[in-house]
Amino acid sequence: MQQQNCNSKPQPVLPKRIILMRHGESQANIDLATYSTTPHNKIPLTEVGLAQAHLAGAHLHRVISDIDTNSPNWRVYFYVSPYERTRSTLCQIGRSFSRTRVIGVREECRLREQDFGNFRSQVRIKAIKETKEKFGRFFFRNPEGESAADVYDRVSSFLESLWRDIDMNRLRHDPCHDLNLIIISHGLTARVFLMKWFKWTVEQFEHLNNLGNCEFQVMQLGKGGEYSLAIHHSEEELVEWGLSPEMIADQKWRAHANRGDWNERCPWYLDTFFNRLADSEDSGESEDIWHETDEKIRQSN
């Protein structure tokens, strides 16, 4: 938490936590035939899903209230996808919070689920899923719908708006309070959000797993000003979500890193793109490579 004089004019402060939550169990999660009879945005929660959301609210309250660290001055601000199942999840979660703790809520259309197209039969869903596995989950575009890459674009736009809200203090946040942003959305949307935030590659995205219904991920602000999943979550959880050892090491580093140091400390990220880089300009390796390449070109001609 950034320190400020509580008697001075409020200044923009970074949220202590940004929490991503998937909606509760929906009717389509237990019966794929729902997609052929109900508009995607109107699919409701099941009774189990409603109960999951109620329990998740209590769990969120325990995490945010930070009883063990004696942090009584906290507030929450909600962003929610416009779909019925996410709004119903929010409604149940709200039962665990008093009005004095909730400083705002905003429906955000850019946080909606990936568009899979209009009414779809189970046979068509199966055929599309098989094609997606061959093509790749990120770039495959559903007929009449979206690809994960399309979702990435609108989530990127949302993040730009989110940062403006924070910078311009549009969230009406008192800097003496810990602010917690809770984003109630969908499985793929949450994965894409993390991909954009942490600069993960398409290949890394392909290995990520969906959250369970009403499961949530806590991006917590470290003392150095970087957000990390490793502050609240165990390494076992990160593995379960599909993070590689390199990605987990990066999360652990972010938990203690100073904001802005990322560009000076990213060897694992560079290795994702390059087989090897010379340690210095004096190694002479670039000159050798130039001569080798030039010789190969002349021989091929």
Protein backbone atom coordinates (compact mmCIF):
# COMPACT_ATOMS: atom_id res chain seq x y z
CA MET A 1 0.00 0.00 0.00
CA GLN A 2 1.41 3.37 -0.96
CA GLN A 3 1.78 5.74 1.97
CA GLN A 4 0.08 9.15 1.84
CA ASN A 5 -0.88 11.85 4.31
CA CYS A 6 -4.52 11.15 5.12
CA ASN A 7 -5.15 14.85 5.77
CA SER A 8 -3.97 15.93 2.34
CA LYS A 9 -5.97 16.04 -0.87
CA PRO A 10 -6.64 12.46 -2.09
CA GLN A 11 -4.26 11.31 -4.81
CA PRO A 12 -4.57 8.32 -7.14
CA VAL A 13 -3.36 5.16 -5.42
CA LEU A 14 -2.84 1.73 -6.92
CA PRO A 15 -5.37 -0.90 -5.79
CA LYS A 16 -4.00 -3.31 -3.21
CA ARG A 17 -5.58 -6.21 -5.07
CA ILE A 18 -7.07 -6.90 -8.48
CA ILE A 19 -9.16 -10.06 -8.21
CA LEU A 20 -10.41 -12.04 -11.21
CA MET A 21 -13.37 -14.34 -10.61
CA ARG A 22 -15.20 -16.71 -12.93
CA HIS A 23 -19.00 -16.92 -12.60
CA GLY A 24 -20.74 -19.76 -10.79
CA GLU A 25 -21.93 -22.97 -12.42
CA SER A 26 -24.30 -22.14 -15.29
CA GLN A 27 -26.93 -24.24 -16.98
CA ALA A 28 -24.66 -24.63 -20.01
CA ASN A 29 -21.86 -26.00 -17.82
CA ILE A 30 -23.99 -29.07 -17.10
CA ASP A 31 -26.00 -29.28 -20.34
CA LEU A 32 -24.46 -28.27 -23.67
CA ALA A 33 -27.92 -28.38 -25.27
CA THR A 34 -28.55 -25.05 -23.54
CA TYR A 35 -26.48 -23.34 -26.23
CA SER A 36 -29.01 -24.40 -28.87
CA THR A 37 -32.04 -22.96 -27.06
CA THR A 38 -30.85 -20.01 -24.95
CA PRO A 39 -28.96 -16.87 -26.03
CA HIS A 40 -25.43 -17.03 -24.67
CA ASN A 41 -25.83 -13.87 -22.60
CA LYS A 42 -29.05 -15.12 -20.98
CA ILE A 43 -27.82 -18.50 -19.72
CA PRO A 44 -28.63 -18.59 -15.97
CA LEU A 45 -26.82 -20.01 -12.98
CA THR A 46 -27.91 -23.34 -11.56
CA GLU A 47 -28.88 -23.72 -7.92
CA VAL A 48 -25.37 -25.03 -7.34
CA GLY A 49 -23.96 -21.97 -9.07
CA LEU A 50 -25.95 -19.64 -6.83
CA ALA A 51 -24.66 -21.47 -3.74
CA GLN A 52 -21.09 -21.32 -5.10
CA ALA A 53 -21.37 -17.56 -5.55
CA HIS A 54 -22.72 -17.08 -2.02
CA LEU A 55 -19.82 -19.04 -0.53
CA ALA A 56 -17.33 -17.24 -2.79
CA GLY A 57 -18.53 -13.91 -1.41
CA ALA A 58 -17.73 -15.02 2.13
CA HIS A 59 -14.33 -16.27 0.97
CA LEU A 60 -13.59 -12.98 -0.78
CA HIS A 61 -14.55 -11.05 2.34
CA ARG A 62 -12.07 -13.06 4.43
CA VAL A 63 -9.27 -12.48 1.91
CA ILE A 64 -9.90 -8.75 1.56
CA SER A 65 -10.54 -7.95 5.23
CA ASP A 66 -7.01 -9.13 6.08
CA ILE A 67 -7.95 -9.95 9.66
CA ASP A 68 -4.48 -11.29 10.47
CA THR A 69 -2.75 -8.07 9.33
CA ASN A 70 -5.14 -5.69 11.11
CA SER A 71 -6.15 -3.75 8.01
CA PRO A 72 -9.66 -2.42 8.79
CA ASN A 73 -9.80 0.38 6.21
CA TRP A 74 -10.63 -1.46 3.00
CA ARG A 75 -13.14 -0.94 0.21
CA VAL A 76 -14.21 -2.87 -2.90
CA TYR A 77 -15.12 -1.78 -6.41
CA PHE A 78 -16.75 -4.27 -8.79
CA TYR A 79 -16.54 -4.65 -12.55
CA VAL A 80 -18.95 -7.19 -14.01
CA SER A 81 -19.65 -8.74 -17.40
CA PRO A 82 -23.20 -7.96 -18.63
CA TYR A 83 -24.17 -11.64 -18.92
CA GLU A 84 -26.89 -12.98 -16.65
CA ARG A 85 -24.65 -15.59 -15.04
CA THR A 86 -22.01 -13.02 -14.05
CA ARG A 87 -24.54 -10.50 -12.77
CA SER A 88 -26.25 -13.22 -10.72
CA THR A 89 -22.84 -14.20 -9.33
CA LEU A 90 -22.22 -10.58 -8.33
CA CYS A 91 -25.61 -10.36 -6.64
CA GLN A 92 -24.83 -13.36 -4.45
CA ILE A 93 -21.32 -12.13 -3.67
CA GLY A 94 -22.76 -8.79 -2.58
CA ARG A 95 -24.56 -10.48 0.30
CA SER A 96 -21.20 -10.73 2.08
CA PHE A 97 -20.41 -7.00 1.90
CA SER A 98 -22.02 -4.01 3.61
CA ARG A 99 -22.94 -0.86 1.70
CA THR A 100 -20.15 1.06 3.46
CA ARG A 101 -17.53 -1.28 1.97
CA VAL A 102 -18.71 -1.10 -1.66
CA ILE A 103 -17.70 2.18 -3.28
CA GLY A 104 -18.96 1.31 -6.75
CA VAL A 105 -19.93 -1.22 -9.41
CA ARG A 106 -19.76 -0.97 -13.17
CA GLU A 107 -21.11 -3.22 -15.90
CA GLU A 108 -18.36 -3.58 -18.49
CA CYS A 109 -19.29 -5.08 -21.86
CA ARG A 110 -15.66 -5.63 -22.83
CA LEU A 111 -15.43 -8.26 -20.06
CA ARG A 112 -18.08 -10.47 -21.65
CA GLU A 113 -17.42 -14.09 -22.60
CA GLN A 114 -15.85 -15.02 -25.91
CA ASP A 115 -18.54 -14.91 -28.59
CA PHE A 116 -19.09 -18.48 -29.82
CA GLY A 117 -21.73 -17.56 -32.39
CA ASN A 118 -25.50 -17.82 -32.14
CA PHE A 119 -27.62 -20.89 -31.31
CA ARG A 120 -25.44 -23.98 -31.78
CA SER A 121 -26.29 -27.67 -31.78
CA GLN A 122 -24.26 -30.17 -29.75
CA VAL A 123 -23.01 -31.79 -32.96
CA ARG A 124 -21.71 -28.44 -34.20
CA ILE A 125 -20.13 -27.62 -30.84
CA LYS A 126 -18.20 -30.90 -30.92
CA ALA A 127 -17.01 -30.37 -34.49
CA ILE A 128 -15.86 -26.82 -33.74
CA LYS A 129 -14.01 -27.96 -30.62
CA GLU A 130 -12.11 -30.60 -32.58
CA THR A 131 -11.11 -28.05 -35.20
CA LYS A 132 -10.02 -25.58 -32.52
CA GLU A 133 -7.67 -28.13 -30.96
CA LYS A 134 -5.96 -28.61 -34.33
CA PHE A 135 -5.84 -24.93 -35.24
CA GLY A 136 -4.81 -23.52 -31.83
CA ARG A 137 -6.98 -22.04 -29.11
CA PHE A 138 -5.75 -18.46 -29.39
CA PHE A 139 -6.17 -17.75 -33.09
CA PHE A 140 -9.13 -20.01 -33.92
CA ARG A 141 -12.18 -17.88 -34.67
CA ASN A 142 -15.56 -19.42 -33.96
CA PRO A 143 -17.92 -19.27 -36.95
CA GLU A 144 -20.03 -16.10 -36.52
CA GLY A 145 -18.07 -15.44 -33.34
CA GLU A 146 -14.68 -14.47 -31.89
CA SER A 147 -11.22 -15.86 -31.44
CA ALA A 148 -9.28 -15.50 -28.20
CA ALA A 149 -7.19 -12.95 -30.10
CA ASP A 150 -10.34 -10.86 -30.59
CA VAL A 151 -11.05 -11.06 -26.86
CA TYR A 152 -7.45 -9.98 -26.22
CA ASP A 153 -8.06 -6.79 -28.21
CA ARG A 154 -11.13 -5.72 -26.24
CA VAL A 155 -9.60 -6.71 -22.89
CA SER A 156 -6.59 -4.56 -23.82
CA SER A 157 -8.97 -1.66 -24.43
CA PHE A 158 -10.60 -2.27 -21.04
CA LEU A 159 -7.20 -2.21 -19.31
CA GLU A 160 -6.44 1.18 -20.84
CA SER A 161 -9.74 2.49 -19.42
CA LEU A 162 -9.02 0.90 -16.05
CA TRP A 163 -5.68 2.69 -15.78
CA ARG A 164 -7.31 6.00 -16.69
CA ASP A 165 -9.93 5.42 -13.97
CA ILE A 166 -7.15 4.86 -11.45
CA ASP A 167 -4.96 7.75 -12.62
CA MET A 168 -7.84 10.24 -12.64
CA ASN A 169 -9.26 8.98 -9.34
CA ARG A 170 -12.60 8.17 -10.98
CA LEU A 171 -13.12 5.33 -8.52
CA ARG A 172 -13.65 7.90 -5.73
CA HIS A 173 -11.01 6.16 -3.68
CA ASP A 174 -9.80 7.52 -0.33
CA PRO A 175 -6.01 6.93 -0.26
CA CYS A 176 -6.29 6.03 3.42
CA HIS A 177 -8.25 2.89 2.43
CA ASP A 178 -7.05 -0.29 0.76
CA LEU A 179 -8.82 -0.53 -2.59
CA ASN A 180 -9.74 -3.95 -3.98
CA LEU A 181 -10.96 -4.24 -7.57
CA ILE A 182 -13.06 -7.37 -8.17
CA ILE A 183 -13.67 -8.36 -11.79
CA ILE A 184 -16.43 -10.94 -12.27
CA SER A 185 -16.14 -12.38 -15.72
CA HIS A 186 -15.52 -15.63 -17.60
CA GLY A 187 -12.84 -18.29 -17.89
CA LEU A 188 -11.19 -17.31 -21.17
CA THR A 189 -11.58 -13.59 -20.49
CA ALA A 190 -9.66 -13.99 -17.22
CA ARG A 191 -6.88 -15.92 -18.96
CA VAL A 192 -6.57 -13.23 -21.61
CA PHE A 193 -6.54 -10.52 -18.92
CA LEU A 194 -3.56 -12.17 -17.23
CA MET A 195 -1.85 -12.73 -20.59
CA LYS A 196 -2.08 -9.02 -21.40
CA TRP A 197 -1.13 -7.83 -17.92
CA PHE A 198 1.94 -10.04 -17.50
CA LYS A 199 3.01 -9.93 -21.17
CA TRP A 200 2.67 -13.69 -21.67
CA THR A 201 3.16 -15.05 -25.16
CA VAL A 202 0.63 -16.87 -27.32
CA GLU A 203 2.49 -20.14 -26.70
CA GLN A 204 2.26 -19.60 -22.94
CA PHE A 205 -1.44 -18.82 -23.24
CA GLU A 206 -2.06 -22.14 -25.01
CA HIS A 207 -1.03 -23.99 -21.83
CA LEU A 208 -3.24 -22.02 -19.42
CA ASN A 209 -6.27 -23.66 -17.80
CA ASN A 210 -9.65 -22.19 -16.98
CA LEU A 211 -10.61 -21.28 -13.44
CA GLY A 212 -13.26 -23.42 -11.84
CA ASN A 213 -16.71 -21.94 -11.27
CA CYS A 214 -16.45 -19.12 -8.69
CA GLU A 215 -12.71 -19.73 -8.33
CA PHE A 216 -10.71 -16.51 -8.22
CA GLN A 217 -7.16 -15.30 -8.76
CA VAL A 218 -5.66 -12.56 -6.60
CA MET A 219 -3.17 -10.19 -8.18
CA GLN A 220 -1.73 -8.50 -5.10
CA LEU A 221 0.45 -5.41 -5.02
CA GLY A 222 3.95 -6.09 -3.73
CA LYS A 223 5.98 -3.67 -1.64
CA GLY A 224 7.93 -2.60 -4.72
CA GLY A 225 4.81 -1.68 -6.69
CA GLU A 226 4.47 -4.76 -8.93
CA TYR A 227 1.45 -7.06 -8.97
CA SER A 228 1.96 -10.79 -8.47
CA LEU A 229 -0.13 -13.96 -8.23
CA ALA A 230 2.55 -15.50 -6.00
CA ILE A 231 1.81 -13.31 -2.97
CA HIS A 232 -1.58 -14.86 -2.25
CA HIS A 233 -1.42 -18.14 -4.17
CA SER A 234 0.78 -21.20 -3.69
CA GLU A 235 3.10 -22.59 -6.33
CA GLU A 236 0.80 -25.63 -6.59
CA GLU A 237 -2.09 -23.38 -7.58
CA LEU A 238 0.01 -21.63 -10.23
CA VAL A 239 1.01 -25.01 -11.68
CA GLU A 240 -2.64 -26.08 -11.72
CA TRP A 241 -3.51 -22.97 -13.73
CA GLY A 242 -0.90 -23.89 -16.33
CA LEU A 243 1.97 -21.53 -15.51
CA SER A 244 5.39 -22.83 -16.56
CA PRO A 245 8.39 -22.85 -14.16
CA GLU A 246 9.67 -19.67 -15.85
CA MET A 247 6.32 -17.93 -15.44
CA ILE A 248 6.14 -18.95 -11.78
CA ALA A 249 9.68 -17.68 -11.17
CA ASP A 250 8.63 -14.37 -12.72
CA GLN A 251 5.60 -14.16 -10.41
CA LYS A 252 7.81 -14.76 -7.39
CA TRP A 253 10.21 -12.07 -8.57
CA ARG A 254 7.35 -9.60 -9.07
CA ALA A 255 6.25 -10.14 -5.48
CA HIS A 256 9.38 -8.27 -4.32
CA ALA A 257 10.44 -6.30 -7.40
CA ASN A 258 10.52 -2.53 -7.67
CA ARG A 259 8.07 -1.12 -10.17
CA GLY A 260 9.81 -0.38 -13.46
CA ASP A 261 12.65 -2.91 -13.01
CA TRP A 262 11.05 -5.49 -15.29
CA ASN A 263 12.84 -4.42 -18.47
CA GLU A 264 16.23 -4.69 -16.77
CA ARG A 265 15.56 -8.18 -15.47
CA CYS A 266 13.92 -10.42 -18.05
CA PRO A 267 16.46 -13.03 -19.28
CA TRP A 268 13.87 -15.81 -19.29
CA TYR A 269 11.58 -13.66 -21.42
CA LEU A 270 14.33 -12.91 -23.93
CA ASP A 271 15.14 -16.60 -24.13
CA THR A 272 11.56 -17.17 -25.28
CA PHE A 273 12.37 -15.32 -28.49
CA PHE A 274 16.11 -15.91 -29.01
CA ASN A 275 18.09 -19.15 -28.98
CA ARG A 276 21.05 -17.25 -27.60
CA LEU A 277 22.34 -13.70 -27.38
CA ALA A 278 25.98 -12.67 -27.14
CA ASP A 279 27.01 -11.54 -23.67
CA SER A 280 28.77 -8.49 -25.09
CA GLU A 281 29.52 -6.67 -28.33
CA ASP A 282 33.17 -7.68 -27.95
CA SER A 283 32.52 -11.36 -28.37
CA GLY A 284 32.97 -11.13 -32.13
CA GLU A 285 30.16 -13.63 -32.56
CA SER A 286 28.01 -11.35 -34.68
CA GLU A 287 30.87 -10.92 -37.13
CA ASP A 288 31.33 -14.71 -37.36
CA ILE A 289 27.61 -15.19 -37.96
CA TRP A 290 27.70 -12.56 -40.74
CA HIS A 291 30.57 -14.34 -42.50
CA GLU A 292 28.94 -17.77 -42.10
CA THR A 293 25.64 -16.50 -43.49
CA ASP A 294 27.33 -14.69 -46.35
CA GLU A 295 29.24 -17.87 -47.26
CA LYS A 296 26.04 -19.96 -47.24
CA ILE A 297 24.30 -17.46 -49.52
CA ARG A 298 27.17 -17.46 -52.01
CA GLN A 299 27.28 -21.25 -52.06
CA SER A 300 23.55 -21.49 -52.63
CA ASN A 301 23.88 -19.18 -55.63
